Amino acid sequence: MADYNLVVLAGRLTCDPELKYTEGEGTPFTKLTLAINRVSTSRDGSYEKTVTHVDVVVWKHQAELAAQYTQKGSRILVSGRIETLRWNTTSGEKRSKLRVRAERLQFLDRRAVSNQEVASDLVEK
């Protein structure tokens, strides 16, 4: 059986997206943090709310659209794949973390700009 790496998440942005560009080629990207709420029932019958924060990176034209059409609190749906980041600290310790590399974003909020306008913007580029 082949390996399969797909993740689909829906949640709210924890801060405004900040569009940046890579140094070498000038490729646009933005880093997002998605807050995903979960409500469950504890053993005593009370409700417990937990929040999971997931780091997401968005590249190229979708990064530009995310910066233009979303803000802190915006609801989005992300589909993509999990990737591992690895680095060494200044003291030589190895570190790593997981993040989602977005392949597709869907804006879930109703806004003045319709999803059809965003979709047509995607097709043009």
PDB file of N, CA and C in Angstrom:
ATOM      1  N   MET A   1       0.842  -1.184   0.000  1.00  0.00           N
ATOM      2  CA  MET A   1       0.000   0.000   0.000  1.00  0.00           C
ATOM      3  C   MET A   1       0.884   1.243   0.000  1.00  0.00           C
ATOM      4  N   ALA A   2       0.528   2.230  -0.807  1.00  0.00           N
ATOM      5  CA  ALA A   2       1.286   3.476  -0.886  1.00  0.00           C
ATOM      6  C   ALA A   2       1.001   4.347   0.339  1.00  0.00           C
ATOM      7  N   ASP A   3       1.969   5.172   0.679  1.00  0.00           N
ATOM      8  CA  ASP A   3       1.778   6.124   1.765  1.00  0.00           C
ATOM      9  C   ASP A   3       0.867   7.255   1.295  1.00  0.00           C
ATOM     10  N   TYR A   4       0.186   7.883   2.241  1.00  0.00           N
ATOM     11  CA  TYR A   4      -0.769   8.926   1.895  1.00  0.00           C
ATOM     12  C   TYR A   4      -0.674  10.022   2.939  1.00  0.00           C
ATOM     13  N   ASN A   5      -0.457  11.246   2.522  1.00  0.00           N
ATOM     14  CA  ASN A   5      -0.297  12.372   3.430  1.00  0.00           C
ATOM     15  C   ASN A   5      -1.307  13.447   3.043  1.00  0.00           C
ATOM     16  N   LEU A   6      -2.443  13.471   3.720  1.00  0.00           N
ATOM     17  CA  LEU A   6      -3.486  14.456   3.450  1.00  0.00           C
ATOM     18  C   LEU A   6      -4.104  14.873   4.774  1.00  0.00           C
ATOM     19  N   VAL A   7      -4.270  16.169   4.941  1.00  0.00           N
ATOM     20  CA  VAL A   7      -4.922  16.685   6.136  1.00  0.00           C
ATOM     21  C   VAL A   7      -5.929  17.746   5.702  1.00  0.00           C
ATOM     22  N   VAL A   8      -7.095  17.738   6.349  1.00  0.00           N
ATOM     23  CA  VAL A   8      -8.134  18.734   6.097  1.00  0.00           C
ATOM     24  C   VAL A   8      -8.547  19.297   7.455  1.00  0.00           C
ATOM     25  N   LEU A   9      -8.449  20.609   7.588  1.00  0.00           N
ATOM     26  CA  LEU A   9      -8.746  21.272   8.852  1.00  0.00           C
ATOM     27  C   LEU A   9      -9.648  22.470   8.616  1.00  0.00           C
ATOM     28  N   ALA A  10     -10.520  22.743   9.566  1.00  0.00           N
ATOM     29  CA  ALA A  10     -11.337  23.949   9.538  1.00  0.00           C
ATOM     30  C   ALA A  10     -11.217  24.615  10.900  1.00  0.00           C
ATOM     31  N   GLY A  11     -10.997  25.923  10.886  1.00  0.00           N
ATOM     32  CA  GLY A  11     -10.859  26.658  12.138  1.00  0.00           C
ATOM     33  C   GLY A  11     -10.799  28.145  11.876  1.00  0.00           C
ATOM     34  N   ARG A  12     -10.330  28.865  12.879  1.00  0.00           N
ATOM     35  CA  ARG A  12     -10.237  30.333  12.797  1.00  0.00           C
ATOM     36  C   ARG A  12      -8.776  30.764  12.883  1.00  0.00           C
ATOM     37  N   LEU A  13      -8.451  31.830  12.159  1.00  0.00           N
ATOM     38  CA  LEU A  13      -7.101  32.367  12.203  1.00  0.00           C
ATOM     39  C   LEU A  13      -6.863  33.061  13.539  1.00  0.00           C
ATOM     40  N   THR A  14      -5.680  32.851  14.106  1.00  0.00           N
ATOM     41  CA  THR A  14      -5.357  33.461  15.402  1.00  0.00           C
ATOM     42  C   THR A  14      -4.764  34.859  15.261  1.00  0.00           C
ATOM     43  N   CYS A  15      -4.342  35.234  14.044  1.00  0.00           N
ATOM     44  CA  CYS A  15      -3.816  36.579  13.806  1.00  0.00           C
ATOM     45  C   CYS A  15      -3.962  36.926  12.331  1.00  0.00           C
ATOM     46  N   ASP A  16      -3.770  38.191  12.012  1.00  0.00           N
ATOM     47  CA  ASP A  16      -3.847  38.630  10.619  1.00  0.00           C
ATOM     48  C   ASP A  16      -2.702  38.017   9.817  1.00  0.00           C
ATOM     49  N   PRO A  17      -2.977  37.530   8.614  1.00  0.00           N
ATOM     50  CA  PRO A  17      -1.905  36.995   7.772  1.00  0.00           C
ATOM     51  C   PRO A  17      -0.950  38.106   7.344  1.00  0.00           C
ATOM     52  N   GLU A  18       0.333  37.797   7.330  1.00  0.00           N
ATOM     53  CA  GLU A  18       1.340  38.753   6.888  1.00  0.00           C
ATOM     54  C   GLU A  18       2.051  38.165   5.674  1.00  0.00           C
ATOM     55  N   LEU A  19       1.867  38.798   4.531  1.00  0.00           N
ATOM     56  CA  LEU A  19       2.461  38.323   3.288  1.00  0.00           C
ATOM     57  C   LEU A  19       3.956  38.630   3.286  1.00  0.00           C
ATOM     58  N   LYS A  20       4.762  37.619   2.990  1.00  0.00           N
ATOM     59  CA  LYS A  20       6.214  37.773   2.904  1.00  0.00           C
ATOM     60  C   LYS A  20       6.680  37.164   1.590  1.00  0.00           C
ATOM     61  N   TYR A  21       7.953  37.378   1.280  1.00  0.00           N
ATOM     62  CA  TYR A  21       8.541  36.857   0.044  1.00  0.00           C
ATOM     63  C   TYR A  21       9.873  36.196   0.350  1.00  0.00           C
ATOM     64  N   THR A  22      10.157  35.088  -0.345  1.00  0.00           N
ATOM     65  CA  THR A  22      11.443  34.419  -0.157  1.00  0.00           C
ATOM     66  C   THR A  22      12.553  35.332  -0.668  1.00  0.00           C
ATOM     67  N   GLU A  23      13.737  35.189  -0.075  1.00  0.00           N
ATOM     68  CA  GLU A  23      14.854  36.061  -0.435  1.00  0.00           C
ATOM     69  C   GLU A  23      15.342  35.825  -1.863  1.00  0.00           C
ATOM     70  N   GLY A  24      15.524  34.580  -2.233  1.00  0.00           N
ATOM     71  CA  GLY A  24      16.116  34.288  -3.531  1.00  0.00           C
ATOM     72  C   GLY A  24      15.221  34.607  -4.712  1.00  0.00           C
ATOM     73  N   GLU A  25      14.079  33.974  -4.776  1.00  0.00           N
ATOM     74  CA  GLU A  25      13.198  34.085  -5.945  1.00  0.00           C
ATOM     75  C   GLU A  25      12.061  35.077  -5.763  1.00  0.00           C
ATOM     76  N   GLY A  26      11.824  35.515  -4.543  1.00  0.00           N
ATOM     77  CA  GLY A  26      10.725  36.437  -4.287  1.00  0.00           C
ATOM     78  C   GLY A  26       9.360  35.784  -4.320  1.00  0.00           C
ATOM     79  N   THR A  27       9.305  34.483  -4.006  1.00  0.00           N
ATOM     80  CA  THR A  27       8.038  33.749  -4.006  1.00  0.00           C
ATOM     81  C   THR A  27       7.199  34.176  -2.801  1.00  0.00           C
ATOM     82  N   PRO A  28       5.935  34.553  -3.015  1.00  0.00           N
ATOM     83  CA  PRO A  28       5.090  34.969  -1.892  1.00  0.00           C
ATOM     84  C   PRO A  28       4.680  33.781  -1.015  1.00  0.00           C
ATOM     85  N   PHE A  29       4.651  34.028   0.292  1.00  0.00           N
ATOM     86  CA  PHE A  29       4.169  33.036   1.242  1.00  0.00           C
ATOM     87  C   PHE A  29       3.624  33.747   2.464  1.00  0.00           C
ATOM     88  N   THR A  30       2.799  33.043   3.208  1.00  0.00           N
ATOM     89  CA  THR A  30       2.318  33.550   4.485  1.00  0.00           C
ATOM     90  C   THR A  30       2.186  32.384   5.449  1.00  0.00           C
ATOM     91  N   LYS A  31       2.490  32.664   6.691  1.00  0.00           N
ATOM     92  CA  LYS A  31       2.347  31.661   7.747  1.00  0.00           C
ATOM     93  C   LYS A  31       1.090  31.997   8.536  1.00  0.00           C
ATOM     94  N   LEU A  32       0.269  30.986   8.750  1.00  0.00           N
ATOM     95  CA  LEU A  32      -0.976  31.142   9.487  1.00  0.00           C
ATOM     96  C   LEU A  32      -0.958  30.218  10.696  1.00  0.00           C
ATOM     97  N   THR A  33      -1.700  30.583  11.715  1.00  0.00           N
ATOM     98  CA  THR A  33      -1.975  29.660  12.808  1.00  0.00           C
ATOM     99  C   THR A  33      -3.479  29.504  12.891  1.00  0.00           C
ATOM    100  N   LEU A  34      -3.907  28.262  12.823  1.00  0.00           N
ATOM    101  CA  LEU A  34      -5.321  27.932  12.822  1.00  0.00           C
ATOM    102  C   LEU A  34      -5.708  27.404  14.196  1.00  0.00           C
ATOM    103  N   ALA A  35      -6.731  27.983  14.805  1.00  0.00           N
ATOM    104  CA  ALA A  35      -7.268  27.507  16.086  1.00  0.00           C
ATOM    105  C   ALA A  35      -8.475  26.627  15.789  1.00  0.00           C
ATOM    106  N   ILE A  36      -8.398  25.392  16.250  1.00  0.00           N
ATOM    107  CA  ILE A  36      -9.464  24.428  15.998  1.00  0.00           C
ATOM    108  C   ILE A  36     -10.076  24.048  17.332  1.00  0.00           C
ATOM    109  N   ASN A  37     -11.354  24.365  17.510  1.00  0.00           N
ATOM    110  CA  ASN A  37     -12.057  24.097  18.766  1.00  0.00           C
ATOM    111  C   ASN A  37     -12.701  22.720  18.723  1.00  0.00           C
ATOM    112  N   ARG A  38     -12.722  22.093  19.881  1.00  0.00           N
ATOM    113  CA  ARG A  38     -13.393  20.800  20.026  1.00  0.00           C
ATOM    114  C   ARG A  38     -14.129  20.806  21.350  1.00  0.00           C
ATOM    115  N   VAL A  39     -15.392  20.438  21.315  1.00  0.00           N
ATOM    116  CA  VAL A  39     -16.191  20.342  22.536  1.00  0.00           C
ATOM    117  C   VAL A  39     -16.512  18.869  22.753  1.00  0.00           C
ATOM    118  N   SER A  40     -16.234  18.397  23.953  1.00  0.00           N
ATOM    119  CA  SER A  40     -16.523  17.003  24.283  1.00  0.00           C
ATOM    120  C   SER A  40     -17.185  16.946  25.654  1.00  0.00           C
ATOM    121  N   THR A  41     -17.732  15.805  25.960  1.00  0.00           N
ATOM    122  CA  THR A  41     -18.388  15.602  27.246  1.00  0.00           C
ATOM    123  C   THR A  41     -17.453  14.827  28.160  1.00  0.00           C
ATOM    124  N   SER A  42     -17.255  15.352  29.367  1.00  0.00           N
ATOM    125  CA  SER A  42     -16.402  14.665  30.333  1.00  0.00           C
ATOM    126  C   SER A  42     -17.193  13.549  31.025  1.00  0.00           C
ATOM    127  N   ARG A  43     -16.540  12.802  31.859  1.00  0.00           N
ATOM    128  CA  ARG A  43     -17.194  11.681  32.555  1.00  0.00           C
ATOM    129  C   ARG A  43     -18.350  12.126  33.437  1.00  0.00           C
ATOM    130  N   ASP A  44     -18.225  13.330  34.015  1.00  0.00           N
ATOM    131  CA  ASP A  44     -19.295  13.800  34.899  1.00  0.00           C
ATOM    132  C   ASP A  44     -20.436  14.478  34.126  1.00  0.00           C
ATOM    133  N   GLY A  45     -20.360  14.492  32.792  1.00  0.00           N
ATOM    134  CA  GLY A  45     -21.442  15.040  31.977  1.00  0.00           C
ATOM    135  C   GLY A  45     -21.277  16.498  31.599  1.00  0.00           C
ATOM    136  N   SER A  46     -20.248  17.139  32.130  1.00  0.00           N
ATOM    137  CA  SER A  46     -20.040  18.546  31.768  1.00  0.00           C
ATOM    138  C   SER A  46     -19.302  18.637  30.431  1.00  0.00           C
ATOM    139  N   TYR A  47     -19.427  19.794  29.814  1.00  0.00           N
ATOM    140  CA  TYR A  47     -18.783  20.003  28.527  1.00  0.00           C
ATOM    141  C   TYR A  47     -17.379  20.562  28.729  1.00  0.00           C
ATOM    142  N   GLU A  48     -16.442  20.042  27.946  1.00  0.00           N
ATOM    143  CA  GLU A  48     -15.073  20.536  27.980  1.00  0.00           C
ATOM    144  C   GLU A  48     -14.712  21.050  26.596  1.00  0.00           C
ATOM    145  N   LYS A  49     -14.131  22.226  26.569  1.00  0.00           N
ATOM    146  CA  LYS A  49     -13.700  22.806  25.299  1.00  0.00           C
ATOM    147  C   LYS A  49     -12.175  22.772  25.251  1.00  0.00           C
ATOM    148  N   THR A  50     -11.637  22.220  24.181  1.00  0.00           N
ATOM    149  CA  THR A  50     -10.197  22.230  23.980  1.00  0.00           C
ATOM    150  C   THR A  50      -9.898  22.918  22.653  1.00  0.00           C
ATOM    151  N   VAL A  51      -8.763  23.571  22.603  1.00  0.00           N
ATOM    152  CA  VAL A  51      -8.343  24.272  21.393  1.00  0.00           C
ATOM    153  C   VAL A  51      -6.989  23.729  20.971  1.00  0.00           C
ATOM    154  N   THR A  52      -6.871  23.388  19.697  1.00  0.00           N
ATOM    155  CA  THR A  52      -5.606  22.954  19.125  1.00  0.00           C
ATOM    156  C   THR A  52      -5.155  24.021  18.143  1.00  0.00           C
ATOM    157  N   HIS A  53      -3.901  24.447  18.272  1.00  0.00           N
ATOM    158  CA  HIS A  53      -3.331  25.434  17.352  1.00  0.00           C
ATOM    159  C   HIS A  53      -2.425  24.709  16.362  1.00  0.00           C
ATOM    160  N   VAL A  54      -2.647  24.957  15.079  1.00  0.00           N
ATOM    161  CA  VAL A  54      -1.892  24.287  14.020  1.00  0.00           C
ATOM    162  C   VAL A  54      -1.240  25.345  13.142  1.00  0.00           C
ATOM    163  N   ASP A  55       0.074  25.207  12.929  1.00  0.00           N
ATOM    164  CA  ASP A  55       0.792  26.096  12.024  1.00  0.00           C
ATOM    165  C   ASP A  55       0.564  25.654  10.588  1.00  0.00           C
ATOM    166  N   VAL A  56       0.324  26.634   9.717  1.00  0.00           N
ATOM    167  CA  VAL A  56       0.050  26.389   8.300  1.00  0.00           C
ATOM    168  C   VAL A  56       0.905  27.351   7.487  1.00  0.00           C
ATOM    169  N   VAL A  57       1.478  26.875   6.388  1.00  0.00           N
ATOM    170  CA  VAL A  57       2.171  27.761   5.454  1.00  0.00           C
ATOM    171  C   VAL A  57       1.454  27.687   4.116  1.00  0.00           C
ATOM    172  N   VAL A  58       1.258  28.853   3.504  1.00  0.00           N
ATOM    173  CA  VAL A  58       0.558  28.968   2.229  1.00  0.00           C
ATOM    174  C   VAL A  58       1.513  29.653   1.255  1.00  0.00           C
ATOM    175  N   TRP A  59       1.584  29.141   0.031  1.00  0.00           N
ATOM    176  CA  TRP A  59       2.547  29.642  -0.952  1.00  0.00           C
ATOM    177  C   TRP A  59       1.857  30.266  -2.155  1.00  0.00           C
ATOM    178  N   LYS A  60       2.610  31.087  -2.857  1.00  0.00           N
ATOM    179  CA  LYS A  60       2.293  31.677  -4.155  1.00  0.00           C
ATOM    180  C   LYS A  60       0.992  32.473  -4.122  1.00  0.00           C
ATOM    181  N   HIS A  61       0.162  32.290  -5.142  1.00  0.00           N
ATOM    182  CA  HIS A  61      -1.019  33.138  -5.284  1.00  0.00           C
ATOM    183  C   HIS A  61      -2.020  32.940  -4.142  1.00  0.00           C
ATOM    184  N   GLN A  62      -2.113  31.721  -3.615  1.00  0.00           N
ATOM    185  CA  GLN A  62      -3.034  31.496  -2.498  1.00  0.00           C
ATOM    186  C   GLN A  62      -2.587  32.273  -1.268  1.00  0.00           C
ATOM    187  N   ALA A  63      -1.280  32.467  -1.099  1.00  0.00           N
ATOM    188  CA  ALA A  63      -0.779  33.282   0.009  1.00  0.00           C
ATOM    189  C   ALA A  63      -1.235  34.733  -0.156  1.00  0.00           C
ATOM    190  N   GLU A  64      -1.190  35.229  -1.391  1.00  0.00           N
ATOM    191  CA  GLU A  64      -1.641  36.590  -1.663  1.00  0.00           C
ATOM    192  C   GLU A  64      -3.137  36.732  -1.384  1.00  0.00           C
ATOM    193  N   LEU A  65      -3.914  35.730  -1.787  1.00  0.00           N
ATOM    194  CA  LEU A  65      -5.358  35.769  -1.539  1.00  0.00           C
ATOM    195  C   LEU A  65      -5.668  35.702  -0.054  1.00  0.00           C
ATOM    196  N   ALA A  66      -4.955  34.860   0.684  1.00  0.00           N
ATOM    197  CA  ALA A  66      -5.180  34.756   2.130  1.00  0.00           C
ATOM    198  C   ALA A  66      -4.893  36.092   2.809  1.00  0.00           C
ATOM    199  N   ALA A  67      -3.813  36.754   2.390  1.00  0.00           N
ATOM    200  CA  ALA A  67      -3.479  38.052   2.979  1.00  0.00           C
ATOM    201  C   ALA A  67      -4.516  39.109   2.621  1.00  0.00           C
ATOM    202  N   GLN A  68      -5.083  39.011   1.445  1.00  0.00           N
ATOM    203  CA  GLN A  68      -6.052  40.008   0.979  1.00  0.00           C
ATOM    204  C   GLN A  68      -7.447  39.803   1.566  1.00  0.00           C
ATOM    205  N   TYR A  69      -7.887  38.558   1.690  1.00  0.00           N
ATOM    206  CA  TYR A  69      -9.286  38.285   2.020  1.00  0.00           C
ATOM    207  C   TYR A  69      -9.540  37.762   3.432  1.00  0.00           C
ATOM    208  N   THR A  70      -8.492  37.533   4.227  1.00  0.00           N
ATOM    209  CA  THR A  70      -8.717  37.020   5.579  1.00  0.00           C
ATOM    210  C   THR A  70      -8.077  37.930   6.615  1.00  0.00           C
ATOM    211  N   GLN A  71      -8.481  37.724   7.852  1.00  0.00           N
ATOM    212  CA  GLN A  71      -7.944  38.478   8.980  1.00  0.00           C
ATOM    213  C   GLN A  71      -8.112  37.628  10.232  1.00  0.00           C
ATOM    214  N   LYS A  72      -7.600  38.134  11.334  1.00  0.00           N
ATOM    215  CA  LYS A  72      -7.740  37.422  12.600  1.00  0.00           C
ATOM    216  C   LYS A  72      -9.211  37.094  12.835  1.00  0.00           C
ATOM    217  N   GLY A  73      -9.493  35.832  13.169  1.00  0.00           N
ATOM    218  CA  GLY A  73     -10.866  35.397  13.420  1.00  0.00           C
ATOM    219  C   GLY A  73     -11.569  34.828  12.204  1.00  0.00           C
ATOM    220  N   SER A  74     -10.998  35.004  11.005  1.00  0.00           N
ATOM    221  CA  SER A  74     -11.624  34.463   9.799  1.00  0.00           C
ATOM    222  C   SER A  74     -11.680  32.945   9.871  1.00  0.00           C
ATOM    223  N   ARG A  75     -12.797  32.392   9.407  1.00  0.00           N
ATOM    224  CA  ARG A  75     -12.959  30.941   9.352  1.00  0.00           C
ATOM    225  C   ARG A  75     -12.467  30.457   7.994  1.00  0.00           C
ATOM    226  N   ILE A  76     -11.561  29.475   7.990  1.00  0.00           N
ATOM    227  CA  ILE A  76     -11.065  28.920   6.736  1.00  0.00           C
ATOM    228  C   ILE A  76     -10.998  27.406   6.821  1.00  0.00           C
ATOM    229  N   LEU A  77     -11.027  26.792   5.660  1.00  0.00           N
ATOM    230  CA  LEU A  77     -10.831  25.360   5.518  1.00  0.00           C
ATOM    231  C   LEU A  77      -9.519  25.178   4.757  1.00  0.00           C
ATOM    232  N   VAL A  78      -8.640  24.363   5.285  1.00  0.00           N
ATOM    233  CA  VAL A  78      -7.324  24.127   4.690  1.00  0.00           C
ATOM    234  C   VAL A  78      -7.214  22.658   4.344  1.00  0.00           C
ATOM    235  N   SER A  79      -6.780  22.370   3.128  1.00  0.00           N
ATOM    236  CA  SER A  79      -6.392  21.003   2.810  1.00  0.00           C
ATOM    237  C   SER A  79      -4.953  21.055   2.331  1.00  0.00           C
ATOM    238  N   GLY A  80      -4.191  20.062   2.732  1.00  0.00           N
ATOM    239  CA  GLY A  80      -2.774  20.048   2.387  1.00  0.00           C
ATOM    240  C   GLY A  80      -2.107  18.811   2.932  1.00  0.00           C
ATOM    241  N   ARG A  81      -0.820  18.955   3.215  1.00  0.00           N
ATOM    242  CA  ARG A  81      -0.056  17.811   3.726  1.00  0.00           C
ATOM    243  C   ARG A  81       0.804  18.247   4.899  1.00  0.00           C
ATOM    244  N   ILE A  82       1.113  17.295   5.737  1.00  0.00           N
ATOM    245  CA  ILE A  82       1.957  17.549   6.894  1.00  0.00           C
ATOM    246  C   ILE A  82       3.411  17.479   6.455  1.00  0.00           C
ATOM    247  N   GLU A  83       4.208  18.451   6.919  1.00  0.00           N
ATOM    248  CA  GLU A  83       5.637  18.419   6.661  1.00  0.00           C
ATOM    249  C   GLU A  83       6.380  18.659   7.969  1.00  0.00           C
ATOM    250  N   THR A  84       7.617  18.194   8.024  1.00  0.00           N
ATOM    251  CA  THR A  84       8.446  18.344   9.211  1.00  0.00           C
ATOM    252  C   THR A  84       9.495  19.405   8.978  1.00  0.00           C
ATOM    253  N   LEU A  85       9.610  20.335   9.904  1.00  0.00           N
ATOM    254  CA  LEU A  85      10.677  21.331   9.881  1.00  0.00           C
ATOM    255  C   LEU A  85      11.737  20.891  10.887  1.00  0.00           C
ATOM    256  N   ARG A  86      12.991  20.939  10.492  1.00  0.00           N
ATOM    257  CA  ARG A  86      14.095  20.569  11.388  1.00  0.00           C
ATOM    258  C   ARG A  86      15.129  21.688  11.399  1.00  0.00           C
ATOM    259  N   TRP A  87      15.680  21.978  12.596  1.00  0.00           N
ATOM    260  CA  TRP A  87      16.717  22.990  12.719  1.00  0.00           C
ATOM    261  C   TRP A  87      17.522  22.721  13.971  1.00  0.00           C
ATOM    262  N   ASN A  88      18.656  23.395  14.090  1.00  0.00           N
ATOM    263  CA  ASN A  88      19.504  23.331  15.275  1.00  0.00           C
ATOM    264  C   ASN A  88      19.458  24.687  15.964  1.00  0.00           C
ATOM    265  N   THR A  89      19.373  24.666  17.282  1.00  0.00           N
ATOM    266  CA  THR A  89      19.379  25.907  18.041  1.00  0.00           C
ATOM    267  C   THR A  89      20.795  26.460  18.064  1.00  0.00           C
ATOM    268  N   THR A  90      20.935  27.659  18.578  1.00  0.00           N
ATOM    269  CA  THR A  90      22.268  28.269  18.674  1.00  0.00           C
ATOM    270  C   THR A  90      23.182  27.483  19.604  1.00  0.00           C
ATOM    271  N   SER A  91      22.584  26.736  20.534  1.00  0.00           N
ATOM    272  CA  SER A  91      23.387  25.910  21.443  1.00  0.00           C
ATOM    273  C   SER A  91      23.626  24.507  20.881  1.00  0.00           C
ATOM    274  N   GLY A  92      23.197  24.260  19.643  1.00  0.00           N
ATOM    275  CA  GLY A  92      23.465  22.984  18.988  1.00  0.00           C
ATOM    276  C   GLY A  92      22.419  21.897  19.202  1.00  0.00           C
ATOM    277  N   GLU A  93      21.319  22.217  19.890  1.00  0.00           N
ATOM    278  CA  GLU A  93      20.262  21.230  20.112  1.00  0.00           C
ATOM    279  C   GLU A  93      19.424  21.055  18.846  1.00  0.00           C
ATOM    280  N   LYS A  94      19.053  19.808  18.553  1.00  0.00           N
ATOM    281  CA  LYS A  94      18.199  19.538  17.403  1.00  0.00           C
ATOM    282  C   LYS A  94      16.745  19.774  17.788  1.00  0.00           C
ATOM    283  N   ARG A  95      16.023  20.456  16.919  1.00  0.00           N
ATOM    284  CA  ARG A  95      14.603  20.726  17.128  1.00  0.00           C
ATOM    285  C   ARG A  95      13.832  20.342  15.878  1.00  0.00           C
ATOM    286  N   SER A  96      12.552  20.078  16.058  1.00  0.00           N
ATOM    287  CA  SER A  96      11.683  19.805  14.915  1.00  0.00           C
ATOM    288  C   SER A  96      10.245  20.118  15.303  1.00  0.00           C
ATOM    289  N   LYS A  97       9.436  20.360  14.293  1.00  0.00           N
ATOM    290  CA  LYS A  97       8.011  20.554  14.523  1.00  0.00           C
ATOM    291  C   LYS A  97       7.270  20.215  13.238  1.00  0.00           C
ATOM    292  N   LEU A  98       6.000  19.906  13.396  1.00  0.00           N
ATOM    293  CA  LEU A  98       5.138  19.614  12.255  1.00  0.00           C
ATOM    294  C   LEU A  98       4.350  20.862  11.896  1.00  0.00           C
ATOM    295  N   ARG A  99       4.096  21.032  10.600  1.00  0.00           N
ATOM    296  CA  ARG A  99       3.185  22.077  10.148  1.00  0.00           C
ATOM    297  C   ARG A  99       2.464  21.565   8.903  1.00  0.00           C
ATOM    298  N   VAL A 100       1.411  22.250   8.528  1.00  0.00           N
ATOM    299  CA  VAL A 100       0.645  21.888   7.342  1.00  0.00           C
ATOM    300  C   VAL A 100       1.082  22.793   6.199  1.00  0.00           C
ATOM    301  N   ARG A 101       1.420  22.191   5.086  1.00  0.00           N
ATOM    302  CA  ARG A 101       1.690  22.936   3.853  1.00  0.00           C
ATOM    303  C   ARG A 101       0.385  22.931   3.061  1.00  0.00           C
ATOM    304  N   ALA A 102      -0.265  24.092   3.013  1.00  0.00           N
ATOM    305  CA  ALA A 102      -1.576  24.197   2.382  1.00  0.00           C
ATOM    306  C   ALA A 102      -1.464  24.034   0.874  1.00  0.00           C
ATOM    307  N   GLU A 103      -2.352  23.239   0.341  1.00  0.00           N
ATOM    308  CA  GLU A 103      -2.458  23.106  -1.106  1.00  0.00           C
ATOM    309  C   GLU A 103      -3.733  23.767  -1.609  1.00  0.00           C
ATOM    310  N   ARG A 104      -4.693  23.940  -0.688  1.00  0.00           N
ATOM    311  CA  ARG A 104      -5.952  24.588  -1.062  1.00  0.00           C
ATOM    312  C   ARG A 104      -6.549  25.257   0.168  1.00  0.00           C
ATOM    313  N   LEU A 105      -7.048  26.464  -0.014  1.00  0.00           N
ATOM    314  CA  LEU A 105      -7.759  27.198   1.033  1.00  0.00           C
ATOM    315  C   LEU A 105      -9.176  27.474   0.562  1.00  0.00           C
ATOM    316  N   GLN A 106     -10.088  27.426   1.498  1.00  0.00           N
ATOM    317  CA  GLN A 106     -11.450  27.849   1.208  1.00  0.00           C
ATOM    318  C   GLN A 106     -11.862  28.801   2.320  1.00  0.00           C
ATOM    319  N   PHE A 107     -12.333  29.983   1.929  1.00  0.00           N
ATOM    320  CA  PHE A 107     -12.762  30.975   2.904  1.00  0.00           C
ATOM    321  C   PHE A 107     -14.209  30.685   3.270  1.00  0.00           C
ATOM    322  N   LEU A 108     -14.486  30.545   4.562  1.00  0.00           N
ATOM    323  CA  LEU A 108     -15.803  30.121   5.025  1.00  0.00           C
ATOM    324  C   LEU A 108     -16.687  31.274   5.500  1.00  0.00           C
ATOM    325  N   ASP A 109     -16.120  32.443   5.697  1.00  0.00           N
ATOM    326  CA  ASP A 109     -16.907  33.588   6.157  1.00  0.00           C
ATOM    327  C   ASP A 109     -17.675  34.209   5.001  1.00  0.00           C
ATOM    328  N   ARG A 110     -18.835  34.719   5.324  1.00  0.00           N
ATOM    329  CA  ARG A 110     -19.579  35.510   4.335  1.00  0.00           C
ATOM    330  C   ARG A 110     -19.028  36.925   4.414  1.00  0.00           C
ATOM    331  N   ARG A 111     -18.573  37.402   3.280  1.00  0.00           N
ATOM    332  CA  ARG A 111     -17.974  38.735   3.230  1.00  0.00           C
ATOM    333  C   ARG A 111     -18.509  39.478   2.031  1.00  0.00           C
ATOM    334  N   ALA A 112     -18.126  40.728   1.928  1.00  0.00           N
ATOM    335  CA  ALA A 112     -18.546  41.541   0.778  1.00  0.00           C
ATOM    336  C   ALA A 112     -18.008  40.953  -0.521  1.00  0.00           C
ATOM    337  N   VAL A 113     -16.853  40.338  -0.454  1.00  0.00           N
ATOM    338  CA  VAL A 113     -16.268  39.712  -1.642  1.00  0.00           C
ATOM    339  C   VAL A 113     -16.760  38.272  -1.685  1.00  0.00           C
ATOM    340  N   SER A 114     -17.361  37.884  -2.790  1.00  0.00           N
ATOM    341  CA  SER A 114     -17.917  36.540  -2.892  1.00  0.00           C
ATOM    342  C   SER A 114     -16.835  35.522  -3.204  1.00  0.00           C
ATOM    343  N   ASN A 115     -17.100  34.276  -2.884  1.00  0.00           N
ATOM    344  CA  ASN A 115     -16.171  33.192  -3.211  1.00  0.00           C
ATOM    345  C   ASN A 115     -15.999  33.055  -4.714  1.00  0.00           C
ATOM    346  N   GLN A 116     -17.011  33.440  -5.498  1.00  0.00           N
ATOM    347  CA  GLN A 116     -16.895  33.373  -6.955  1.00  0.00           C
ATOM    348  C   GLN A 116     -15.848  34.357  -7.454  1.00  0.00           C
ATOM    349  N   GLU A 117     -15.775  35.548  -6.840  1.00  0.00           N
ATOM    350  CA  GLU A 117     -14.758  36.518  -7.239  1.00  0.00           C
ATOM    351  C   GLU A 117     -13.370  35.994  -6.920  1.00  0.00           C
ATOM    352  N   VAL A 118     -13.211  35.361  -5.755  1.00  0.00           N
ATOM    353  CA  VAL A 118     -11.924  34.790  -5.388  1.00  0.00           C
ATOM    354  C   VAL A 118     -11.577  33.655  -6.336  1.00  0.00           C
ATOM    355  N   ALA A 119     -12.555  32.821  -6.669  1.00  0.00           N
ATOM    356  CA  ALA A 119     -12.308  31.700  -7.579  1.00  0.00           C
ATOM    357  C   ALA A 119     -11.889  32.215  -8.950  1.00  0.00           C
ATOM    358  N   SER A 120     -12.528  33.252  -9.440  1.00  0.00           N
ATOM    359  CA  SER A 120     -12.140  33.782 -10.746  1.00  0.00           C
ATOM    360  C   SER A 120     -10.755  34.395 -10.687  1.00  0.00           C
ATOM    361  N   ASP A 121     -10.384  34.972  -9.558  1.00  0.00           N
ATOM    362  CA  ASP A 121      -9.040  35.511  -9.376  1.00  0.00           C
ATOM    363  C   ASP A 121      -8.010  34.387  -9.432  1.00  0.00           C
ATOM    364  N   LEU A 122      -8.361  33.227  -8.867  1.00  0.00           N
ATOM    365  CA  LEU A 122      -7.458  32.068  -8.910  1.00  0.00           C
ATOM    366  C   LEU A 122      -7.259  31.573 -10.340  1.00  0.00           C
ATOM    367  N   VAL A 123      -8.322  31.562 -11.129  1.00  0.00           N
ATOM    368  CA  VAL A 123      -8.248  31.059 -12.499  1.00  0.00           C
ATOM    369  C   VAL A 123      -7.393  31.978 -13.367  1.00  0.00           C
ATOM    370  N   GLU A 124      -7.485  33.286 -13.133  1.00  0.00           N
ATOM    371  CA  GLU A 124      -6.755  34.248 -13.946  1.00  0.00           C
ATOM    372  C   GLU A 124      -5.254  34.145 -13.764  1.00  0.00           C
ATOM    373  N   LYS A 125      -4.775  33.733 -12.614  1.00  0.00           N
ATOM    374  CA  LYS A 125      -3.332  33.733 -12.348  1.00  0.00           C
ATOM    375  C   LYS A 125      -2.733  32.423 -12.650  1.00  0.00           C
TER     376      LYS A 125
END
